[in-house]
Protein backbone atom coordinates (compact mmCIF):
# COMPACT_ATOMS: atom_id res chain seq x y z
CA MET A 1 -0.13 0.08 0.11
CA GLU A 2 0.99 3.55 -0.83
CA ALA A 3 2.70 5.67 1.75
CA SER A 4 -0.34 8.21 1.04
CA ASP A 5 -2.74 5.82 1.50
CA HIS A 6 -2.32 5.82 5.22
CA ALA A 7 -3.19 9.36 5.21
CA GLU A 8 -6.45 8.37 7.25
CA GLN A 9 -6.77 5.74 9.53
CA LEU A 10 -9.05 4.79 12.42
CA VAL A 11 -7.82 5.08 16.13
CA PRO A 12 -6.66 1.93 17.46
CA GLY A 13 -9.42 0.43 19.61
CA ALA A 14 -11.88 2.70 18.89
CA PRO A 15 -13.75 1.36 15.69
CA GLY A 16 -15.36 4.36 13.47
CA LEU A 17 -13.66 7.43 14.80
CA ASP A 18 -11.78 9.23 13.00
CA VAL A 19 -8.51 10.73 14.14
CA SER A 20 -9.86 14.36 13.34
CA ILE A 21 -12.79 13.70 15.53
CA VAL A 22 -10.84 12.22 18.55
CA THR A 23 -7.88 15.17 18.57
CA ALA A 24 -10.02 18.09 17.27
CA PRO A 25 -11.61 20.11 19.85
CA GLY A 26 -13.61 21.71 17.17
CA THR A 27 -17.33 22.28 17.27
CA ALA A 28 -20.01 20.50 15.21
CA SER A 29 -19.85 23.02 12.48
CA ARG A 30 -16.08 22.46 11.91
CA ARG A 31 -16.81 18.56 11.89
CA VAL A 32 -19.29 19.13 9.48
CA ALA A 33 -16.84 21.36 7.22
CA GLY A 34 -14.43 18.49 7.38
CA VAL A 35 -16.75 16.21 6.38
CA ILE A 36 -17.87 18.28 3.20
CA SER A 37 -13.93 18.92 2.74
CA ARG A 38 -13.19 15.29 2.64
CA ALA A 39 -16.49 14.51 0.21
CA ARG A 40 -15.39 17.40 -1.88
CA PHE A 41 -13.56 15.15 -4.61
CA ALA A 42 -16.41 12.63 -4.33
CA ILE A 43 -19.33 15.25 -5.11
CA THR A 44 -17.22 16.79 -7.94
CA VAL A 45 -16.19 13.41 -9.65
CA TYR A 46 -20.10 12.34 -9.20
CA MET A 47 -21.42 15.86 -10.52
CA ALA A 48 -19.21 15.73 -13.52
CA THR A 49 -20.10 12.00 -14.51
CA ARG A 50 -23.77 12.99 -14.16
CA GLY A 51 -23.52 15.80 -16.32
CA LEU A 52 -21.76 13.78 -18.94
CA LEU A 53 -25.04 11.20 -18.87
CA LEU A 54 -27.57 14.04 -18.93
CA LEU A 55 -25.76 15.32 -22.05
CA VAL A 56 -25.95 11.97 -23.74
CA ALA A 57 -29.64 11.87 -22.64
CA LEU A 58 -30.18 15.26 -24.19
CA LEU A 59 -28.73 14.54 -27.56
CA ASN A 60 -30.56 10.98 -27.63
CA GLY A 61 -33.86 13.02 -27.13
CA ILE A 62 -33.31 15.44 -29.85
CA LEU A 63 -31.70 12.86 -32.29
CA ARG A 64 -35.23 10.72 -31.61
CA HIS A 65 -37.70 13.94 -31.09
CA HIS A 66 -38.42 12.59 -27.77
CA ALA A 67 -38.73 14.84 -24.82
CA PHE A 68 -35.77 14.74 -22.49
CA THR A 69 -37.14 13.27 -19.31
CA HIS A 70 -38.57 10.50 -21.66
CA GLU A 71 -35.18 9.01 -21.95
CA LEU A 72 -34.66 9.01 -18.08
CA SER A 73 -37.35 6.81 -17.32
CA GLN A 74 -37.05 3.74 -19.55
CA TRP A 75 -37.37 0.11 -18.86
CA ASP A 76 -37.88 -0.31 -15.08
CA GLY A 77 -38.43 3.09 -14.81
CA LEU A 78 -41.76 2.99 -16.24
CA TRP A 79 -43.24 0.43 -13.76
CA TYR A 80 -41.26 2.75 -10.86
CA ARG A 81 -43.51 5.89 -12.40
CA GLU A 82 -46.49 3.92 -12.81
CA LEU A 83 -46.31 2.70 -9.00
CA ALA A 84 -45.71 5.99 -7.79
CA ASN A 85 -48.55 7.43 -9.43
CA HIS A 86 -51.27 4.74 -9.11
CA GLY A 87 -50.03 2.13 -6.51
CA TYR A 88 -50.38 -1.86 -6.33
CA PRO A 89 -53.32 -3.56 -7.84
CA GLU A 90 -55.60 -4.99 -5.03
CA GLN A 91 -55.32 -8.51 -6.48
CA VAL A 92 -52.34 -10.97 -7.46
CA LEU A 93 -51.93 -10.95 -11.12
CA HIS A 94 -50.20 -13.41 -13.01
CA VAL A 95 -48.68 -10.86 -15.69
CA GLN A 96 -46.14 -8.20 -15.42
CA SER A 97 -47.40 -5.76 -13.12
CA THR A 98 -46.26 -3.03 -10.37
CA LEU A 99 -46.51 -5.86 -7.89
CA GLY A 100 -42.92 -6.85 -9.09
CA PHE A 101 -41.44 -3.98 -7.70
CA LEU A 102 -40.62 -2.84 -4.16
CA PRO A 103 -42.26 0.33 -2.35
CA LEU A 104 -39.76 2.33 -0.92
CA TYR A 105 -38.36 4.03 -3.66
CA PRO A 106 -41.42 4.88 -5.59
CA GLY A 107 -42.75 6.05 -2.28
CA ILE A 108 -39.98 8.32 -1.81
CA VAL A 109 -40.52 9.62 -5.68
CA TRP A 110 -44.19 10.09 -4.79
CA VAL A 111 -43.24 12.28 -1.82
CA VAL A 112 -41.05 14.47 -3.74
CA ALA A 113 -43.05 14.82 -6.54
CA HIS A 114 -45.92 15.98 -4.91
CA VAL A 115 -44.23 18.19 -2.10
CA PHE A 116 -41.47 19.49 -4.69
CA VAL A 117 -42.28 19.03 -8.22
CA VAL A 118 -45.66 19.30 -8.63
CA PRO A 119 -45.75 23.29 -7.86
CA ILE A 120 -43.27 23.65 -10.73
CA ALA A 121 -44.46 20.73 -13.28
CA HIS A 122 -48.26 19.99 -12.98
CA TRP A 123 -48.14 17.30 -15.48
CA GLN A 124 -48.34 14.31 -13.57
CA ILE A 125 -45.96 11.97 -15.62
CA LEU A 126 -43.12 14.49 -16.09
CA SER A 127 -43.21 15.84 -12.43
CA THR A 128 -43.01 11.63 -11.33
CA THR A 129 -40.10 11.36 -13.55
CA VAL A 130 -38.16 14.57 -12.58
CA ALA A 131 -38.99 13.56 -8.93
CA GLY A 132 -37.55 9.87 -9.48
CA VAL A 133 -34.43 11.14 -11.09
CA ILE A 134 -33.79 13.72 -8.41
CA VAL A 135 -34.27 10.81 -5.71
CA SER A 136 -31.91 8.36 -7.93
CA GLY A 137 -29.36 11.41 -8.38
CA LEU A 138 -29.24 12.09 -4.58
CA GLY A 139 -28.99 8.74 -3.63
CA GLY A 140 -25.99 8.16 -6.05
CA LEU A 141 -24.33 11.49 -4.77
CA ALA A 142 -24.38 9.66 -0.92
CA ALA A 143 -23.37 6.30 -2.29
CA THR A 144 -20.29 7.97 -4.10
CA VAL A 145 -19.42 9.92 -0.53
CA LEU A 146 -19.77 6.58 1.18
CA VAL A 147 -17.59 4.53 -1.37
CA GLN A 148 -14.74 6.89 -0.83
CA ARG A 149 -15.02 6.47 2.78
CA ILE A 150 -15.24 2.90 3.02
CA ALA A 151 -12.29 2.35 0.29
CA VAL A 152 -10.16 4.69 2.61
CA GLU A 153 -11.01 2.63 5.34
CA TRP A 154 -9.70 -0.36 3.47
CA TRP A 155 -6.80 0.89 1.39
CA GLY A 156 -6.24 4.68 2.29
CA GLU A 157 -6.93 8.05 0.84
CA ALA A 158 -5.00 7.54 -2.73
CA ALA A 159 -6.99 4.47 -3.39
CA GLY A 160 -10.31 5.99 -1.96
CA ARG A 161 -9.89 8.56 -4.77
CA ARG A 162 -9.22 6.19 -7.55
CA ALA A 163 -12.22 4.22 -6.27
CA VAL A 164 -14.68 7.11 -6.82
CA LEU A 165 -13.14 7.74 -10.29
CA ILE A 166 -13.82 4.00 -10.86
CA PHE A 167 -17.31 4.07 -9.46
CA CYS A 168 -18.62 7.05 -11.47
CA LEU A 169 -17.48 6.20 -14.61
CA PHE A 170 -18.59 2.48 -14.46
CA PRO A 171 -21.21 2.01 -16.95
CA GLY A 172 -23.74 0.60 -14.25
CA SER A 173 -23.63 4.18 -12.62
CA ILE A 174 -26.45 5.10 -15.04
CA VAL A 175 -29.00 3.77 -12.70
CA PHE A 176 -28.22 6.98 -10.66
CA SER A 177 -29.42 9.35 -13.87
CA MET A 178 -32.43 7.30 -14.55
CA VAL A 179 -35.78 6.35 -12.31
CA TYR A 180 -34.38 3.44 -10.74
CA ALA A 181 -34.54 2.07 -7.35
CA GLU A 182 -30.54 1.35 -6.98
CA GLY A 183 -30.04 5.06 -6.03
CA VAL A 184 -31.72 4.57 -2.64
CA MET A 185 -30.73 0.69 -2.43
CA LEU A 186 -26.75 1.46 -2.62
CA PRO A 187 -25.93 4.39 -0.18
CA LEU A 188 -28.34 1.97 2.42
CA ALA A 189 -26.11 -1.27 1.93
CA ILE A 190 -22.86 0.62 2.14
CA GLY A 191 -23.92 2.36 4.84
CA CYS A 192 -24.75 -0.94 6.83
CA LEU A 193 -21.45 -2.46 5.50
CA LEU A 194 -19.94 0.58 7.51
CA ALA A 195 -21.92 0.20 10.34
CA LEU A 196 -21.03 -3.51 10.62
CA GLN A 197 -17.42 -3.07 10.30
CA ARG A 198 -17.57 -0.27 13.40
CA ARG A 199 -19.87 -2.86 15.53
CA ARG A 200 -23.08 -0.17 15.24
CA TRP A 201 -25.60 -3.41 15.31
CA VAL A 202 -28.60 -1.24 15.59
CA LEU A 203 -27.92 1.18 12.80
CA ALA A 204 -26.36 -1.84 10.44
CA GLY A 205 -29.86 -3.74 11.07
CA ALA A 206 -32.01 -0.84 10.43
CA LEU A 207 -30.35 0.16 7.30
CA ALA A 208 -30.29 -3.34 6.10
CA GLY A 209 -34.14 -3.43 7.25
CA VAL A 210 -35.19 -0.36 5.04
CA ALA A 211 -32.94 -1.67 2.16
CA SER A 212 -35.09 -4.94 1.65
CA ALA A 213 -37.80 -2.74 0.80
CA THR A 214 -36.08 -1.29 -1.96
CA GLU A 215 -34.72 -3.94 -4.16
CA PRO A 216 -35.08 -7.97 -3.64
CA GLN A 217 -31.38 -8.17 -4.18
CA ALA A 218 -30.87 -6.19 -0.92
CA LEU A 219 -32.02 -9.41 1.02
CA VAL A 220 -28.25 -10.45 0.51
CA LEU A 221 -27.87 -7.85 3.55
CA VAL A 222 -29.64 -10.43 5.86
CA PRO A 223 -27.16 -13.00 5.62
CA VAL A 224 -24.47 -10.90 5.82
CA CYS A 225 -25.53 -9.35 9.03
CA ALA A 226 -25.97 -12.65 10.61
CA ILE A 227 -22.70 -13.72 9.74
CA SER A 228 -21.31 -10.36 10.92
CA ALA A 229 -23.22 -11.18 14.25
CA ALA A 230 -21.68 -14.81 14.14
CA LEU A 231 -18.55 -13.72 13.82
CA GLU A 232 -18.86 -11.06 16.82
CA LEU A 233 -20.34 -13.81 18.81
CA ARG A 234 -17.09 -15.80 18.42
CA ARG A 235 -14.82 -13.20 19.19
CA SER A 236 -16.42 -12.14 22.26
CA GLY A 237 -18.91 -14.72 23.38
CA LEU A 238 -22.16 -13.98 24.74
CA SER A 239 -21.43 -10.44 25.96
CA ALA A 240 -21.77 -9.39 22.32
CA ARG A 241 -25.45 -10.74 22.26
CA ARG A 242 -26.38 -7.12 21.14
CA ALA A 243 -25.03 -8.28 17.74
CA LEU A 244 -28.03 -10.09 17.13
CA LEU A 245 -29.84 -6.99 16.59
CA ALA A 246 -28.40 -6.43 13.01
CA PRO A 247 -29.98 -9.60 11.54
CA ALA A 248 -33.21 -9.30 13.60
CA LEU A 249 -33.75 -6.15 12.25
CA SER A 250 -32.61 -6.55 8.65
CA THR A 251 -35.73 -8.29 7.59
CA VAL A 252 -38.09 -5.50 9.02
CA GLY A 253 -38.60 -3.96 5.46
CA ALA A 254 -39.25 -7.55 3.32
CA LEU A 255 -41.36 -8.81 6.03
CA GLY A 256 -43.37 -5.36 6.25
CA PHE A 257 -44.16 -5.14 2.70
CA ALA A 258 -45.19 -9.28 2.83
CA VAL A 259 -47.51 -8.51 5.49
CA PHE A 260 -49.14 -5.16 3.30
CA LEU A 261 -49.36 -7.34 0.37
CA TRP A 262 -51.33 -10.12 2.45
CA PHE A 263 -53.80 -7.72 3.52
CA TRP A 264 -53.69 -5.65 0.32
CA THR A 265 -53.70 -8.68 -2.35
CA GLY A 266 -54.50 -11.77 -0.48
CA SER A 267 -51.04 -13.15 -0.79
CA PRO A 268 -47.67 -12.45 0.87
CA LEU A 269 -46.09 -13.68 -2.24
CA ALA A 270 -47.82 -11.63 -4.44
CA SER A 271 -44.70 -9.96 -5.71
CA LEU A 272 -42.91 -12.95 -6.25
CA ILE A 273 -45.52 -14.36 -8.34
CA ALA A 274 -45.49 -11.01 -10.42
CA GLN A 275 -41.79 -11.56 -11.12
CA ARG A 276 -42.09 -15.44 -11.69
CA ASP A 277 -45.24 -15.15 -14.07
CA GLY A 278 -44.52 -11.86 -15.48
CA TRP A 279 -40.96 -11.84 -16.02
CA SER A 280 -39.84 -15.66 -15.79
CA GLU A 281 -37.77 -14.78 -13.11
CA LYS A 282 -36.17 -17.65 -11.63
CA THR A 283 -32.90 -18.87 -9.77
CA ASP A 284 -30.95 -21.42 -11.96
CA VAL A 285 -27.34 -22.69 -11.07
CA PHE A 286 -26.98 -23.01 -15.36
CA ALA A 287 -28.34 -19.50 -16.07
CA LEU A 288 -25.23 -18.47 -17.63
CA VAL A 289 -25.13 -21.86 -19.63
CA HIS A 290 -28.55 -21.12 -21.01
CA LEU A 291 -27.45 -17.33 -21.78
CA ALA A 292 -24.24 -18.36 -23.40
CA GLN A 293 -26.53 -20.92 -25.81
CA GLN A 294 -28.94 -18.17 -26.82
CA LEU A 295 -26.17 -16.06 -27.68
CA GLY A 296 -24.29 -18.64 -29.70
CA ALA A 297 -27.80 -19.72 -31.47
CA GLN A 298 -27.95 -16.00 -32.59
CA ILE A 299 -24.55 -15.62 -33.95
CA SER A 300 -24.43 -18.88 -35.72
CA LEU A 301 -24.24 -19.04 -39.62
CA ARG A 302 -26.84 -21.39 -39.66
CA HIS A 303 -29.22 -19.24 -37.71
CA PHE A 304 -30.20 -16.32 -40.39
CA ASP A 305 -33.62 -15.67 -38.71
CA HIS A 306 -31.95 -13.49 -36.38
CA PRO A 307 -31.11 -10.05 -38.28
CA THR A 308 -29.70 -8.79 -34.88
CA ILE A 309 -28.10 -9.99 -32.06
CA ASP A 310 -29.78 -9.04 -28.76
CA LEU A 311 -27.29 -7.26 -27.00
CA ASN A 312 -28.25 -7.80 -23.42
CA LEU A 313 -27.45 -11.55 -23.74
CA ALA A 314 -23.60 -9.99 -25.29
CA VAL A 315 -23.46 -7.60 -22.37
CA GLY A 316 -24.61 -10.20 -19.82
CA LEU A 317 -22.19 -12.74 -20.69
CA ALA A 318 -19.25 -10.14 -21.03
CA GLY A 319 -20.46 -8.88 -17.48
CA ALA A 320 -20.14 -12.53 -16.02
CA ILE A 321 -16.61 -12.86 -17.30
CA ILE A 322 -15.47 -9.45 -15.80
CA LEU A 323 -17.24 -10.37 -12.51
CA ILE A 324 -15.61 -13.61 -12.11
CA GLY A 325 -12.07 -11.63 -12.46
CA LEU A 326 -13.18 -9.15 -10.28
CA LEU A 327 -14.01 -11.77 -7.63
CA VAL A 328 -10.72 -13.07 -7.99
CA LEU A 329 -9.40 -9.68 -6.76
CA VAL A 330 -12.02 -9.58 -4.24
CA VAL A 331 -10.67 -12.81 -2.51
CA ARG A 332 -7.28 -11.92 -3.00
CA ASN A 333 -7.97 -8.87 -1.18
CA ARG A 334 -9.81 -10.70 1.84
CA ARG A 335 -7.01 -9.54 4.24
CA GLU A 336 -8.04 -5.57 3.82
CA MET A 337 -11.48 -5.90 3.23
CA SER A 338 -14.11 -6.45 5.74
CA ALA A 339 -15.46 -10.06 6.09
CA GLU A 340 -19.22 -8.34 5.50
CA ALA A 341 -17.96 -6.47 2.38
CA ILE A 342 -16.78 -9.75 0.88
CA PHE A 343 -19.73 -11.94 1.71
CA TYR A 344 -21.91 -9.23 0.86
CA THR A 345 -20.37 -9.49 -2.95
CA LEU A 346 -20.51 -12.91 -3.20
CA GLY A 347 -24.30 -12.96 -2.56
CA MET A 348 -24.60 -10.39 -4.95
CA ALA A 349 -22.53 -12.11 -7.74
CA TRP A 350 -24.70 -15.37 -7.09
CA LEU A 351 -27.76 -13.57 -7.58
CA GLY A 352 -26.72 -12.12 -10.77
CA MET A 353 -24.87 -15.48 -12.01
CA THR A 354 -28.10 -17.68 -11.18
CA SER A 355 -30.68 -15.50 -12.44
CA GLU A 356 -32.54 -16.54 -15.68
CA TYR A 357 -34.06 -12.83 -16.28
CA VAL A 358 -31.23 -10.31 -14.75
CA PRO A 359 -27.82 -11.62 -15.64
CA PRO A 360 -24.67 -10.12 -14.62
CA MET A 361 -25.61 -6.59 -16.67
CA PRO A 362 -23.78 -3.27 -15.54
CA ARG A 363 -26.67 -2.47 -13.05
CA LEU A 364 -26.00 -5.69 -11.21
CA LEU A 365 -22.50 -5.06 -11.07
CA ILE A 366 -22.53 -2.15 -9.45
CA THR A 367 -24.55 -3.24 -6.76
CA ALA A 368 -21.70 -5.66 -6.00
CA PHE A 369 -19.55 -2.17 -5.68
CA PRO A 370 -16.75 -3.96 -3.85
CA ALA A 371 -16.08 -6.00 -6.78
CA VAL A 372 -16.07 -2.81 -9.01
CA ILE A 373 -14.01 -0.60 -6.90
CA VAL A 374 -11.23 -3.26 -5.68
CA VAL A 375 -9.55 -2.59 -8.85
CA ALA A 376 -8.66 0.72 -7.17
CA ARG A 377 -6.53 -1.35 -5.00
CA TYR A 378 -4.08 -2.87 -7.53
CA VAL A 379 -4.24 -0.35 -10.54
CA ARG A 380 -2.45 3.27 -10.84
CA GLY A 381 -0.37 5.24 -12.64
CA ARG A 382 -0.93 5.15 -16.63
CA PRO A 383 -2.86 1.95 -16.97
CA PHE A 384 -5.41 3.40 -14.34
CA THR A 385 -6.03 6.39 -16.82
CA VAL A 386 -6.41 3.99 -19.55
CA LEU A 387 -8.85 2.00 -17.47
CA LEU A 388 -10.97 5.24 -16.71
CA TRP A 389 -10.85 5.96 -20.50
CA VAL A 390 -12.55 2.58 -21.45
CA ASN A 391 -14.85 2.87 -18.79
CA GLY A 392 -15.83 6.60 -19.67
CA VAL A 393 -16.27 5.46 -23.36
CA ALA A 394 -18.41 2.60 -22.21
CA LEU A 395 -20.77 4.55 -19.93
CA ALA A 396 -21.50 6.96 -22.83
CA GLY A 397 -22.10 4.09 -25.16
CA LEU A 398 -23.95 1.79 -23.41
CA SER A 399 -26.05 4.81 -21.87
CA ALA A 400 -26.97 5.68 -25.31
CA LEU A 401 -28.15 2.52 -25.98
CA THR A 402 -29.99 2.15 -22.90
CA PHE A 403 -31.68 5.31 -22.98
CA VAL A 404 -33.55 4.47 -26.51
CA GLY A 405 -35.63 2.07 -24.16
CA THR A 406 -35.87 -0.69 -26.81
CA THR A 407 -32.11 -1.88 -27.24
CA LEU A 408 -30.07 -2.69 -24.01
CA ARG A 409 -31.33 -2.67 -20.43
CA PRO A 410 -29.08 -1.00 -17.94
């Protein structure tokens, strides 16, 4: 690790406390100023990359003669917008419906749309789209700041800055500029991992519980909290039984949603039914094999009935290959990263590798953020600059195809 990477370390024996907080006699305002100062780099990089994506969306809209906001609410964004405007159906549906989506993100979008946006834009669809992008964008900003913080704790200040650059230029970061729930789920997940590292069990469980009401894959945090609690009990014995609060609280959001669905539709599994019957979503350990077979059939010279290749298959397979390589780096770095982060990454990777409908697309990869930013630990100098250029070009190019809404899922 570089000498400069040790610029900010935690006080021995006092998990989670910065040196500046322990030694500085400053007031709360000074502490806030210090937090903002440390986050300035992350904020600047994030805002610059969001500007790039908004420019891509604007050009897309001009070329396709669509409203600018139309490009930002494609794919799942259409369902989130529908859910924010009209809520859930009152019966179990065996087709694609808003029941396939969790409530926290569209609920926040509804609040923002009605409190802040409607007075400016009275058109309901426009106000919901704008609100969704605002919520995703602010969540992405929070996630970026937390990524820098957790990377600094693992590898030092210089690597933390490199992690921010990789995170913001990674193609999956497009979800922070669209009506997508990852902008809410990711900062909650990163915050949970930070809290577990610092043994703040109630906070970790609460963040995981809230996250479980945003995206199904956030349920990975439940076993992560359980593993963290088990490790703490093994280290400290029954005196650390407070750690059990983390896994206990981590299921609150998902269980609360299931209870709501039970009363609202008559089935606590209504969301799973919608995902299974509407999107053919299921777990299959051979999902990647099937994906490769489908792609092979499309590019085979014996199949001329496929005038185009499904880019989702190609990008998903490429994502799987990249993810496997990144997981090798994560495991190699197991002495510096926290055990919680490693188990979280492996859990997210498992979901992507075994999903029949959502392969390891950029959107999935960025939720497994430790795998994305682990490159910052090993790559620097000119190779790192080349890596940033490759990511930036991929971000702009793939985002242009995603904004179209018929070509490439995030």
